């Protein structure tokens, strides 16, 4: 891997930021305020990955499919392959540091003949995947708030208040409203919140991984944490390999969203170097702190069936029950556990905030190239250089996607599944074009993988193909309308819609990324 030494580019006799100069070479005006440091760029991706969000939200799934072995070792399996995907993306990001990110990369790497279609399909998978991420993150925060209220009013077995699905969707709407307001602020203020989010995630992980097992009166043995494999999932699945693979969903869902560093490149100083640094460091640090959080929480797990029981005090929310019972068993009150859940809730709030930031930059860039309906509106920036309409569009669509939860949890789960598979398909497409059509023509930027670029790229593409199949497999037997995994249906419908939209309309006018300056 190569990262050339930092230098400024001379432009018209003045020193010009290298990312700004490269953006100019690619044919785009500098319209957004280039005010983010490498730390700020990293912070946005790190706070979207947010191990406190992903692990807390899907810990139930990890416990159900394999338990400790699946959670502890599955994290490393997913982490290793995720880092390879991230390295390939970082290499391409260094060459093409634009807010459009993935869809722009696909256009450049697929060549003139395929550029419009490659750009179109990558862009739509990317933006819909991002909206689904925001939907799932903010809805999971709404659910956690509901659990915090339940525990604060006595728990399920103490007559606690259980919010209806309508109240939960109300929470969700209020959270999105706050995120849209925050994202309407200048990027300098948002940068501060992004860095605060990164600090909160790191400190929160270390606090909880030490505090929870320390307070718990009963702790799991090292043998349980590192060797216990839970096959008692009640889902009719007995194959240990199959169970372990299904258990990878928790880790892979968590390790997503780091394309934010690419979407923030037009606001990042020296983005051809700092964008790739943001991607790689966000993944690397998340891997380390994530494993620490997983270990800390799992050492406080002693009865998996109780944690997954819908009749426990937290209503079956495993980590909430772990936190609550740890403090209640030692101090006779679960208040400390509720406060710890508050720490997680703040991390999820920051995660959703950064997710809306990333969404809006993608919508801004995609509409700048005319790919979205009413594009002229979504790529407008206000006096603070914020794509204000794109911000509110992203919040509104994420709210609409969450409304499916009122009709059916199955429909909502299918919608959210796009967050993992849909987004990873968007990650894999430009990498695929890089290692096939552009294998010889790709011109690397300051950060590159050298001769290993093609090998790493192929492994990354094959991994995305693997998880796309894996997370589409049945998660329960026998298969019924209630137990069917609707992920392939959701992703398939998205594919059909995007391709149909292209055939009927897009191909007649969309020619790929449009430059807005005369070079």
Protein backbone atom coordinates (compact mmCIF):
# COMPACT_ATOMS: atom_id res chain seq x y z
CA UNK A 1 0.00 0.00 0.00
CA UNK A 2 1.33 3.44 -0.91
CA UNK A 3 0.56 6.87 0.50
CA UNK A 4 2.64 9.63 -0.99
CA UNK A 5 3.92 12.48 1.13
CA UNK A 6 1.65 15.46 1.66
CA UNK A 7 1.99 18.33 -0.72
CA UNK A 8 -0.04 21.32 -1.85
CA UNK A 9 -0.82 21.84 -5.52
CA UNK A 10 0.24 25.09 -7.16
CA UNK A 11 -2.67 26.72 -8.94
CA UNK A 12 -2.48 30.16 -10.51
CA UNK A 13 0.52 31.08 -8.40
CA UNK A 14 -1.24 30.24 -5.14
CA UNK A 15 -1.15 27.21 -2.94
CA UNK A 16 -4.28 25.11 -3.55
CA UNK A 17 -5.61 22.20 -1.52
CA UNK A 18 -4.82 18.94 -3.36
CA UNK A 19 -8.40 17.68 -3.02
CA UNK A 20 -9.70 20.98 -4.44
CA UNK A 21 -7.26 20.74 -7.34
CA UNK A 22 -8.24 17.14 -8.08
CA UNK A 23 -11.95 18.07 -7.97
CA UNK A 24 -11.19 20.81 -10.51
CA UNK A 25 -9.37 18.28 -12.72
CA UNK A 26 -12.46 16.04 -12.58
CA UNK A 27 -14.57 18.94 -13.85
CA UNK A 28 -16.41 20.18 -10.77
CA UNK A 29 -16.67 23.56 -9.09
CA UNK A 30 -15.89 23.81 -5.38
CA UNK A 31 -19.43 24.56 -4.11
CA UNK A 32 -19.34 23.03 -0.63
CA UNK A 33 -17.15 24.50 2.10
CA UNK A 34 -13.85 22.59 2.34
CA UNK A 35 -13.49 22.83 6.10
CA UNK A 36 -13.10 19.26 7.41
CA UNK A 37 -9.84 17.85 8.77
CA UNK A 38 -8.86 14.20 8.45
CA UNK A 39 -10.12 13.76 12.03
CA UNK A 40 -13.53 15.17 11.12
CA UNK A 41 -13.74 13.02 8.00
CA UNK A 42 -12.90 9.93 10.07
CA UNK A 43 -15.41 10.96 12.74
CA UNK A 44 -18.38 10.92 10.35
CA UNK A 45 -17.68 7.36 9.17
CA UNK A 46 -16.77 6.14 12.65
CA UNK A 47 -19.97 7.52 14.16
CA UNK A 48 -22.07 5.92 11.38
CA UNK A 49 -20.40 2.53 11.87
CA UNK A 50 -20.99 3.12 15.61
CA UNK A 51 -20.37 -0.24 17.26
CA UNK A 52 -22.62 0.80 20.14
CA UNK A 53 -25.46 1.12 17.61
CA UNK A 54 -24.94 -2.01 15.51
CA UNK A 55 -23.96 -4.46 18.24
CA UNK A 56 -26.67 -3.26 20.65
CA UNK A 57 -29.38 -3.36 17.99
CA UNK A 58 -28.58 -6.85 16.65
CA UNK A 59 -27.14 -8.54 19.73
CA UNK A 60 -30.37 -10.55 19.98
CA UNK A 61 -29.67 -12.00 16.53
CA UNK A 62 -26.11 -12.89 17.51
CA UNK A 63 -27.26 -14.66 20.69
CA UNK A 64 -29.98 -16.55 18.83
CA UNK A 65 -27.73 -17.74 16.01
CA UNK A 66 -24.69 -19.27 17.66
CA UNK A 67 -24.39 -17.18 20.81
CA UNK A 68 -20.91 -16.29 22.13
CA UNK A 69 -18.90 -18.22 19.51
CA UNK A 70 -20.84 -16.63 16.66
CA UNK A 71 -20.60 -13.15 18.21
CA UNK A 72 -16.93 -13.24 19.27
CA UNK A 73 -15.37 -15.02 16.28
CA UNK A 74 -17.91 -13.89 13.70
CA UNK A 75 -16.79 -10.33 14.44
CA UNK A 76 -13.27 -11.14 13.22
CA UNK A 77 -14.50 -12.93 10.09
CA UNK A 78 -16.69 -9.98 9.07
CA UNK A 79 -14.00 -7.48 10.13
CA UNK A 80 -11.25 -9.03 8.01
CA UNK A 81 -13.31 -9.00 4.83
CA UNK A 82 -14.78 -5.57 5.59
CA UNK A 83 -11.26 -4.15 5.83
CA UNK A 84 -10.48 -5.52 2.36
CA UNK A 85 -13.63 -3.88 0.98
CA UNK A 86 -12.61 -0.65 2.72
CA UNK A 87 -9.06 -0.77 1.35
CA UNK A 88 -10.36 -1.18 -2.20
CA UNK A 89 -12.80 1.70 -1.72
CA UNK A 90 -10.05 3.87 -0.21
CA UNK A 91 -7.84 3.29 -3.25
CA UNK A 92 -10.59 4.40 -5.63
CA UNK A 93 -11.56 7.31 -3.36
CA UNK A 94 -7.99 8.63 -3.57
CA UNK A 95 -8.26 8.80 -7.34
CA UNK A 96 -11.79 10.27 -7.44
CA UNK A 97 -12.45 12.40 -4.30
CA UNK A 98 -15.99 13.67 -5.06
CA UNK A 99 -19.20 13.77 -3.00
CA UNK A 100 -20.81 11.43 -5.50
CA UNK A 101 -18.41 8.76 -4.35
CA UNK A 102 -19.40 5.30 -5.50
CA UNK A 103 -21.59 6.14 -8.50
CA UNK A 104 -18.98 8.55 -9.87
CA UNK A 105 -16.30 5.87 -9.42
CA UNK A 106 -18.41 3.34 -11.35
CA UNK A 107 -18.88 5.79 -14.22
CA UNK A 108 -15.15 6.44 -14.52
CA UNK A 109 -14.11 2.81 -14.10
CA UNK A 110 -16.73 1.17 -16.35
CA UNK A 111 -15.59 3.12 -19.41
CA UNK A 112 -17.58 5.37 -21.80
CA UNK A 113 -19.83 2.60 -23.12
CA UNK A 114 -21.04 1.36 -19.75
CA UNK A 115 -20.59 4.57 -17.74
CA UNK A 116 -24.22 5.82 -17.71
CA UNK A 117 -25.79 2.50 -16.67
CA UNK A 118 -22.99 1.62 -14.21
CA UNK A 119 -23.29 5.05 -12.62
CA UNK A 120 -27.09 4.86 -12.50
CA UNK A 121 -27.39 1.46 -10.82
CA UNK A 122 -24.57 2.12 -8.34
CA UNK A 123 -25.97 5.51 -7.40
CA UNK A 124 -29.49 4.28 -6.78
CA UNK A 125 -28.36 1.29 -4.71
CA UNK A 126 -26.10 3.62 -2.74
CA UNK A 127 -28.68 6.28 -1.98
CA UNK A 128 -31.55 3.89 -1.22
CA UNK A 129 -29.18 1.84 0.96
CA UNK A 130 -28.21 5.01 2.81
CA UNK A 131 -31.84 6.00 3.36
CA UNK A 132 -32.47 2.49 4.70
CA UNK A 133 -29.50 2.86 7.08
CA UNK A 134 -30.91 6.12 8.46
CA UNK A 135 -34.33 4.47 8.76
CA UNK A 136 -32.98 1.48 10.69
CA UNK A 137 -30.68 3.54 12.93
CA UNK A 138 -33.29 6.10 13.96
CA UNK A 139 -36.01 3.48 14.34
CA UNK A 140 -33.70 1.40 16.56
CA UNK A 141 -33.19 4.52 18.71
CA UNK A 142 -36.97 4.98 18.92
CA UNK A 143 -37.26 1.33 20.06
CA UNK A 144 -34.49 1.79 22.63
CA UNK A 145 -36.22 4.90 24.02
CA UNK A 146 -39.38 2.79 24.34
CA UNK A 147 -37.40 0.15 26.31
CA UNK A 148 -35.80 2.83 28.51
CA UNK A 149 -39.29 4.18 29.33
CA UNK A 150 -40.53 0.62 29.99
CA UNK A 151 -37.70 -0.09 32.45
CA UNK A 152 -37.96 3.36 34.06
CA UNK A 153 -41.63 2.74 34.88
CA UNK A 154 -41.08 -0.67 36.48
CA UNK A 155 -40.27 -3.03 33.61
CA UNK A 156 -42.59 -5.46 31.87
CA UNK A 157 -43.09 -7.49 35.04
CA UNK A 158 -43.65 -4.42 37.20
CA UNK A 159 -46.44 -2.80 35.24
CA UNK A 160 -44.14 -0.59 33.16
CA UNK A 161 -45.44 1.50 30.27
CA UNK A 162 -45.17 -0.23 26.90
CA UNK A 163 -45.40 2.25 24.03
CA UNK A 164 -47.52 1.26 21.03
CA UNK A 165 -46.07 1.07 17.52
CA UNK A 166 -47.69 4.45 16.82
CA UNK A 167 -45.84 6.06 19.73
CA UNK A 168 -42.58 4.47 18.55
CA UNK A 169 -43.07 5.87 15.03
CA UNK A 170 -43.75 9.23 16.67
CA UNK A 171 -40.40 9.00 18.47
CA UNK A 172 -38.82 8.10 15.15
CA UNK A 173 -40.28 11.17 13.45
CA UNK A 174 -39.11 13.46 16.26
CA UNK A 175 -35.57 12.04 16.07
CA UNK A 176 -35.44 12.57 12.30
CA UNK A 177 -36.71 16.14 12.76
CA UNK A 178 -33.84 16.86 15.17
CA UNK A 179 -31.34 15.29 12.76
CA UNK A 180 -32.62 17.42 9.88
CA UNK A 181 -32.35 20.58 12.00
CA UNK A 182 -28.78 19.73 13.07
CA UNK A 183 -27.80 18.98 9.47
CA UNK A 184 -29.11 22.39 8.42
CA UNK A 185 -26.32 24.01 10.44
CA UNK A 186 -22.97 25.02 8.87
CA UNK A 187 -20.49 22.19 8.30
CA UNK A 188 -18.10 23.66 10.92
CA UNK A 189 -20.73 23.09 13.65
CA UNK A 190 -21.62 19.68 12.25
CA UNK A 191 -17.92 18.82 12.25
CA UNK A 192 -17.79 19.57 15.98
CA UNK A 193 -20.74 17.24 16.61
CA UNK A 194 -19.09 14.59 14.43
CA UNK A 195 -15.90 14.69 16.49
CA UNK A 196 -17.95 14.66 19.71
CA UNK A 197 -19.77 11.58 18.35
CA UNK A 198 -16.48 9.78 17.71
CA UNK A 199 -15.24 10.56 21.24
CA UNK A 200 -18.59 9.50 22.74
CA UNK A 201 -18.47 6.16 20.91
CA UNK A 202 -14.92 5.36 22.05
CA UNK A 203 -15.42 6.47 25.67
CA UNK A 204 -18.86 4.82 25.79
CA UNK A 205 -17.48 1.47 24.62
CA UNK A 206 -14.67 1.46 27.18
CA UNK A 207 -17.01 2.57 29.96
CA UNK A 208 -19.60 -0.13 29.26
CA UNK A 209 -17.20 -3.00 28.50
CA UNK A 210 -15.60 -2.51 31.92
CA UNK A 211 -18.58 -1.35 34.00
CA UNK A 212 -21.23 -3.93 33.06
CA UNK A 213 -19.25 -7.13 33.78
CA UNK A 214 -17.77 -5.48 36.90
CA UNK A 215 -21.18 -4.63 38.36
CA UNK A 216 -22.84 -7.95 37.44
CA UNK A 217 -23.07 -10.34 40.41
CA UNK A 218 -22.99 -13.32 38.06
CA UNK A 219 -20.45 -13.43 35.26
CA UNK A 220 -19.87 -15.89 32.46
CA UNK A 221 -16.68 -17.93 32.48
CA UNK A 222 -14.02 -17.45 29.83
CA UNK A 223 -14.90 -20.94 28.60
CA UNK A 224 -18.52 -19.84 28.03
CA UNK A 225 -17.54 -16.61 26.25
CA UNK A 226 -14.99 -18.21 23.94
CA UNK A 227 -16.37 -21.72 23.39
CA UNK A 228 -20.15 -21.82 24.01
CA UNK A 229 -22.14 -22.33 20.83
CA UNK A 230 -25.88 -21.79 21.13
CA UNK A 231 -27.83 -24.16 18.88
CA UNK A 232 -31.09 -23.77 20.83
CA UNK A 233 -32.54 -21.07 18.60
CA UNK A 234 -36.13 -22.29 18.35
CA UNK A 235 -36.00 -21.63 14.60
CA UNK A 236 -35.75 -25.23 13.44
CA UNK A 237 -32.13 -24.80 12.30
CA UNK A 238 -29.64 -27.39 13.57
CA UNK A 239 -26.63 -27.10 11.27
CA UNK A 240 -23.80 -25.47 13.26
CA UNK A 241 -22.18 -24.01 10.13
CA UNK A 242 -25.48 -22.52 8.97
CA UNK A 243 -26.17 -21.08 12.42
CA UNK A 244 -22.70 -19.50 12.58
CA UNK A 245 -23.11 -17.93 9.15
CA UNK A 246 -26.51 -16.45 10.08
CA UNK A 247 -24.87 -15.07 13.22
CA UNK A 248 -22.53 -12.97 11.05
CA UNK A 249 -25.39 -10.55 10.31
CA UNK A 250 -24.82 -8.65 13.57
CA UNK A 251 -21.18 -7.95 12.73
CA UNK A 252 -21.72 -7.17 9.05
CA UNK A 253 -24.67 -4.85 9.75
CA UNK A 254 -22.51 -2.96 12.26
CA UNK A 255 -19.54 -2.60 9.91
CA UNK A 256 -21.24 -0.51 7.26
CA UNK A 257 -21.68 3.17 6.42
CA UNK A 258 -18.00 4.06 6.00
CA UNK A 259 -18.70 5.38 2.51
CA UNK A 260 -19.53 8.57 4.43
CA UNK A 261 -15.82 9.47 4.24
CA UNK A 262 -16.08 9.40 0.45
CA UNK A 263 -19.25 11.50 0.38
CA UNK A 264 -17.62 14.14 2.61
CA UNK A 265 -14.51 14.50 0.40
CA UNK A 266 -15.59 17.76 -1.25
CA UNK A 267 -15.69 19.24 2.26
CA UNK A 268 -12.41 17.62 3.40
CA UNK A 269 -8.98 19.22 3.15
CA UNK A 270 -6.55 17.28 0.93
CA UNK A 271 -9.30 14.75 0.32
CA UNK A 272 -7.28 12.59 -2.08
CA UNK A 273 -5.27 11.54 0.99
CA UNK A 274 -7.57 12.22 3.92
CA UNK A 275 -10.68 10.56 2.42
CA UNK A 276 -8.92 7.16 2.21
CA UNK A 277 -7.47 7.68 5.69
CA UNK A 278 -10.98 8.33 7.00
CA UNK A 279 -12.34 5.09 5.51
CA UNK A 280 -9.53 2.84 6.74
CA UNK A 281 -9.14 4.34 10.20
CA UNK A 282 -12.91 4.27 10.82
CA UNK A 283 -13.05 0.55 10.00
CA UNK A 284 -9.83 -0.30 11.89
CA UNK A 285 -10.71 1.49 15.12
CA UNK A 286 -14.29 0.16 14.97
CA UNK A 287 -12.95 -3.39 14.75
CA UNK A 288 -10.87 -2.93 17.90
CA UNK A 289 -13.39 -1.11 20.09
CA UNK A 290 -16.23 -3.27 18.77
CA UNK A 291 -14.56 -6.46 19.91
CA UNK A 292 -13.96 -4.91 23.31
CA UNK A 293 -17.65 -4.02 23.63
CA UNK A 294 -18.72 -7.49 22.51
CA UNK A 295 -16.42 -9.19 25.04
CA UNK A 296 -17.46 -6.93 27.92
CA UNK A 297 -21.17 -7.48 27.34
CA UNK A 298 -20.85 -11.22 26.69
CA UNK A 299 -19.03 -11.73 30.02
CA UNK A 300 -22.25 -10.50 31.67
CA UNK A 301 -24.39 -13.07 29.81
CA UNK A 302 -25.32 -16.14 31.86
CA UNK A 303 -28.77 -17.20 30.61
CA UNK A 304 -29.34 -16.71 26.88
CA UNK A 305 -32.92 -18.02 26.88
CA UNK A 306 -33.90 -15.51 29.61
CA UNK A 307 -32.34 -12.58 27.73
CA UNK A 308 -34.28 -13.47 24.57
CA UNK A 309 -37.57 -14.09 26.44
CA UNK A 310 -40.17 -11.46 25.53
CA UNK A 311 -41.50 -11.68 29.08
CA UNK A 312 -38.35 -10.39 30.79
CA UNK A 313 -38.34 -6.85 32.19
CA UNK A 314 -36.89 -5.36 29.00
CA UNK A 315 -39.45 -7.14 26.82
CA UNK A 316 -36.83 -9.38 25.19
CA UNK A 317 -34.30 -6.64 24.38
CA UNK A 318 -31.19 -8.62 25.35
CA UNK A 319 -28.61 -5.89 26.06
CA UNK A 320 -31.16 -3.76 27.92
CA UNK A 321 -31.94 -6.76 30.15
CA UNK A 322 -28.20 -7.38 30.72
CA UNK A 323 -27.63 -3.76 31.80
CA UNK A 324 -30.77 -3.58 33.94
CA UNK A 325 -30.24 -6.88 35.76
CA UNK A 326 -26.53 -6.24 36.36
CA UNK A 327 -27.33 -3.17 38.46
CA UNK A 328 -30.54 -4.54 39.95
CA UNK A 329 -28.84 -7.71 41.20
CA UNK A 330 -26.06 -5.73 42.91
CA UNK A 331 -27.81 -2.58 44.11
CA UNK A 332 -31.47 -3.61 44.21
CA UNK A 333 -32.26 -1.02 41.55
CA UNK A 334 -31.75 -1.03 37.81
CA UNK A 335 -31.33 2.75 37.52
CA UNK A 336 -27.61 2.42 36.73
CA UNK A 337 -28.45 0.09 33.86
CA UNK A 338 -30.99 2.57 32.49
CA UNK A 339 -28.32 5.30 32.57
CA UNK A 340 -25.97 2.99 30.65
CA UNK A 341 -28.70 2.50 28.05
CA UNK A 342 -28.80 6.29 27.84
CA UNK A 343 -25.11 6.26 26.89
CA UNK A 344 -25.95 3.89 24.02
CA UNK A 345 -28.96 6.00 23.03
CA UNK A 346 -26.76 9.11 22.62
CA UNK A 347 -24.34 7.10 20.45
CA UNK A 348 -27.24 5.95 18.25
CA UNK A 349 -28.49 9.55 18.03
CA UNK A 350 -25.08 10.68 16.77
CA UNK A 351 -25.01 7.74 14.35
CA UNK A 352 -28.31 8.82 12.82
CA UNK A 353 -27.16 12.44 12.65
CA UNK A 354 -24.03 11.50 10.68
CA UNK A 355 -26.06 9.15 8.50
CA UNK A 356 -28.33 12.03 7.42
CA UNK A 357 -25.19 14.08 6.66
CA UNK A 358 -23.89 11.33 4.38
CA UNK A 359 -27.34 10.84 2.77
CA UNK A 360 -27.67 14.51 1.94
CA UNK A 361 -24.22 14.74 0.32
CA UNK A 362 -24.99 11.72 -1.83
CA UNK A 363 -28.36 13.20 -2.85
CA UNK A 364 -26.64 16.54 -3.57
CA UNK A 365 -24.05 14.95 -5.85
CA UNK A 366 -26.46 12.54 -7.58
CA UNK A 367 -28.90 15.36 -8.34
CA UNK A 368 -26.03 17.62 -9.48
CA UNK A 369 -25.65 15.07 -12.27
CA UNK A 370 -29.40 15.10 -12.94
CA UNK A 371 -30.14 11.52 -11.83
CA UNK A 372 -33.00 12.26 -9.40
CA UNK A 373 -36.48 13.65 -10.01
CA UNK A 374 -36.47 17.44 -9.29
CA UNK A 375 -32.66 17.37 -9.36
CA UNK A 376 -32.39 21.15 -9.68
CA UNK A 377 -33.83 21.48 -6.17
CA UNK A 378 -31.80 18.82 -4.33
CA UNK A 379 -28.39 20.10 -5.39
CA UNK A 380 -28.98 23.69 -4.28
CA UNK A 381 -26.81 24.93 -1.40
CA UNK A 382 -27.71 27.73 1.00
CA UNK A 383 -25.60 30.66 2.22
CA UNK A 384 -23.81 28.33 4.66
CA UNK A 385 -22.85 26.02 1.76
CA UNK A 386 -25.22 23.31 3.04
CA UNK A 387 -27.35 21.27 0.56
CA UNK A 388 -30.39 22.15 2.63
CA UNK A 389 -33.12 20.60 0.48
CA UNK A 390 -31.19 17.34 0.20
CA UNK A 391 -30.98 17.22 4.01
CA UNK A 392 -34.74 17.48 4.48
CA UNK A 393 -35.43 15.10 1.59
CA UNK A 394 -33.26 12.44 3.26
CA UNK A 395 -35.05 12.83 6.59
CA UNK A 396 -38.48 12.72 4.94
CA UNK A 397 -37.79 9.58 2.89
CA UNK A 398 -36.33 7.79 5.93
CA UNK A 399 -39.53 8.58 7.84
CA UNK A 400 -41.68 7.24 5.00
CA UNK A 401 -39.63 4.02 4.88
CA UNK A 402 -40.21 3.50 8.62
CA UNK A 403 -43.99 3.75 8.17
CA UNK A 404 -43.89 0.16 6.86
CA UNK A 405 -43.41 -0.89 10.51
CA UNK A 406 -47.04 0.09 11.19
CA UNK A 407 -48.31 -2.46 8.70
CA UNK A 408 -45.95 -5.36 9.23
CA UNK A 409 -42.67 -6.04 10.99
CA UNK A 410 -41.89 -8.37 8.07
CA UNK A 411 -42.21 -5.49 5.58
CA UNK A 412 -40.09 -3.24 7.78
CA UNK A 413 -37.39 -5.89 8.22
CA UNK A 414 -37.26 -6.31 4.44
CA UNK A 415 -36.88 -2.55 4.06
CA UNK A 416 -34.05 -2.48 6.57
CA UNK A 417 -32.30 -5.44 4.94
CA UNK A 418 -31.52 -3.11 2.03
CA UNK A 419 -29.36 -1.20 4.52
CA UNK A 420 -26.81 -4.02 4.60
CA UNK A 421 -27.03 -5.81 1.26
CA UNK A 422 -28.11 -2.85 -0.88
CA UNK A 423 -25.30 -0.69 0.45
CA UNK A 424 -22.68 -3.42 0.06
CA UNK A 425 -23.77 -4.02 -3.55
CA UNK A 426 -23.11 -0.31 -4.15
CA UNK A 427 -19.68 -0.76 -2.50
CA UNK A 428 -18.84 -3.75 -4.69
CA UNK A 429 -19.87 -2.40 -8.10
CA UNK A 430 -17.07 0.19 -8.54
CA UNK A 431 -14.56 -2.30 -7.12
CA UNK A 432 -15.77 -4.87 -9.67
CA UNK A 433 -15.30 -2.38 -12.51
CA UNK A 434 -11.86 -1.50 -11.12
CA UNK A 435 -10.65 -5.12 -11.29
CA UNK A 436 -12.29 -5.93 -14.66
CA UNK A 437 -12.96 -3.18 -17.19
CA UNK A 438 -10.46 -0.73 -15.66
CA UNK A 439 -7.77 -3.19 -14.58
CA UNK A 440 -5.22 -1.68 -16.96
CA UNK A 441 -6.57 1.86 -17.32
CA UNK A 442 -7.08 2.74 -13.62
CA UNK A 443 -4.82 5.62 -12.60
CA UNK A 444 -4.25 5.44 -8.83
CA UNK A 445 -4.23 8.45 -6.55
CA UNK A 446 -1.76 9.20 -3.73
CA UNK A 447 -3.15 6.28 -1.70
CA UNK A 448 -3.03 2.96 -3.53
CA UNK A 449 -2.54 -0.75 -2.95
CA UNK A 450 0.10 -1.12 -5.64
CA UNK A 451 0.29 -4.56 -7.20
CA UNK A 452 -2.12 -5.96 -4.57
CA UNK A 453 -5.01 -3.72 -5.70
CA UNK A 454 -6.56 -6.25 -8.09
CA UNK A 455 -6.23 -9.21 -5.68
CA UNK A 456 -7.73 -7.28 -2.76
CA UNK A 457 -10.47 -6.01 -5.06
CA UNK A 458 -11.48 -9.49 -6.21
CA UNK A 459 -11.63 -10.80 -2.63
CA UNK A 460 -13.79 -7.80 -1.68
CA UNK A 461 -16.21 -8.42 -4.57
CA UNK A 462 -16.48 -12.14 -3.77
CA UNK A 463 -17.17 -11.37 -0.11
CA UNK A 464 -20.04 -9.03 -1.02
CA UNK A 465 -21.45 -11.70 -3.35
CA UNK A 466 -21.20 -14.21 -0.47
CA UNK A 467 -23.00 -12.09 2.12
CA UNK A 468 -25.65 -11.10 -0.42
CA UNK A 469 -26.55 -14.78 -0.77
CA UNK A 470 -25.99 -15.54 2.91
CA UNK A 471 -28.32 -12.87 4.28
CA UNK A 472 -31.00 -13.89 1.78
CA UNK A 473 -31.20 -17.46 3.11
CA UNK A 474 -34.09 -18.62 5.33
CA UNK A 475 -33.58 -17.80 9.01
CA UNK A 476 -36.31 -20.13 10.25
CA UNK A 477 -37.87 -23.48 9.32
CA UNK A 478 -40.46 -24.46 8.30
CA UNK A 479 -40.80 -21.49 5.94
CA UNK A 480 -44.11 -19.64 6.19
CA UNK A 481 -45.34 -16.17 5.26
CA UNK A 482 -44.37 -15.03 8.78
CA UNK A 483 -40.92 -16.64 8.81
CA UNK A 484 -39.85 -16.07 5.20
CA UNK A 485 -36.71 -13.97 4.81
CA UNK A 486 -37.91 -11.13 2.61
CA UNK A 487 -34.43 -9.72 2.00
CA UNK A 488 -34.09 -11.11 -1.56
CA UNK A 489 -37.60 -9.85 -2.31
CA UNK A 490 -36.73 -6.34 -1.10
CA UNK A 491 -33.37 -6.18 -2.88
CA UNK A 492 -34.86 -7.81 -6.00
CA UNK A 493 -37.69 -5.26 -6.09
CA UNK A 494 -35.16 -2.44 -5.75
CA UNK A 495 -33.17 -3.89 -8.66
CA UNK A 496 -36.28 -4.25 -10.84
CA UNK A 497 -37.39 -0.68 -10.06
CA UNK A 498 -33.96 0.81 -10.75
CA UNK A 499 -33.47 -1.11 -14.04
CA UNK A 500 -37.05 -0.39 -15.18
CA UNK A 501 -36.61 3.29 -14.36
CA UNK A 502 -33.45 3.19 -16.49
CA UNK A 503 -35.02 1.42 -19.47
CA UNK A 504 -38.21 3.51 -19.53
CA UNK A 505 -36.72 6.89 -18.73
CA UNK A 506 -33.15 7.24 -17.52
CA UNK A 507 -31.30 5.88 -20.57
CA UNK A 508 -32.83 8.57 -22.80
CA UNK A 509 -31.17 11.44 -20.98
CA UNK A 510 -28.81 10.31 -18.19
CA UNK A 511 -25.26 10.23 -19.55
CA UNK A 512 -23.43 9.78 -16.24
CA UNK A 513 -21.67 12.42 -14.15
CA UNK A 514 -21.87 15.90 -15.71
CA UNK A 515 -18.98 18.31 -15.21
CA UNK A 516 -19.96 21.85 -14.26
CA UNK A 517 -16.81 23.77 -15.24
CA UNK A 518 -14.86 24.11 -18.42
CA UNK A 519 -11.50 22.56 -17.64
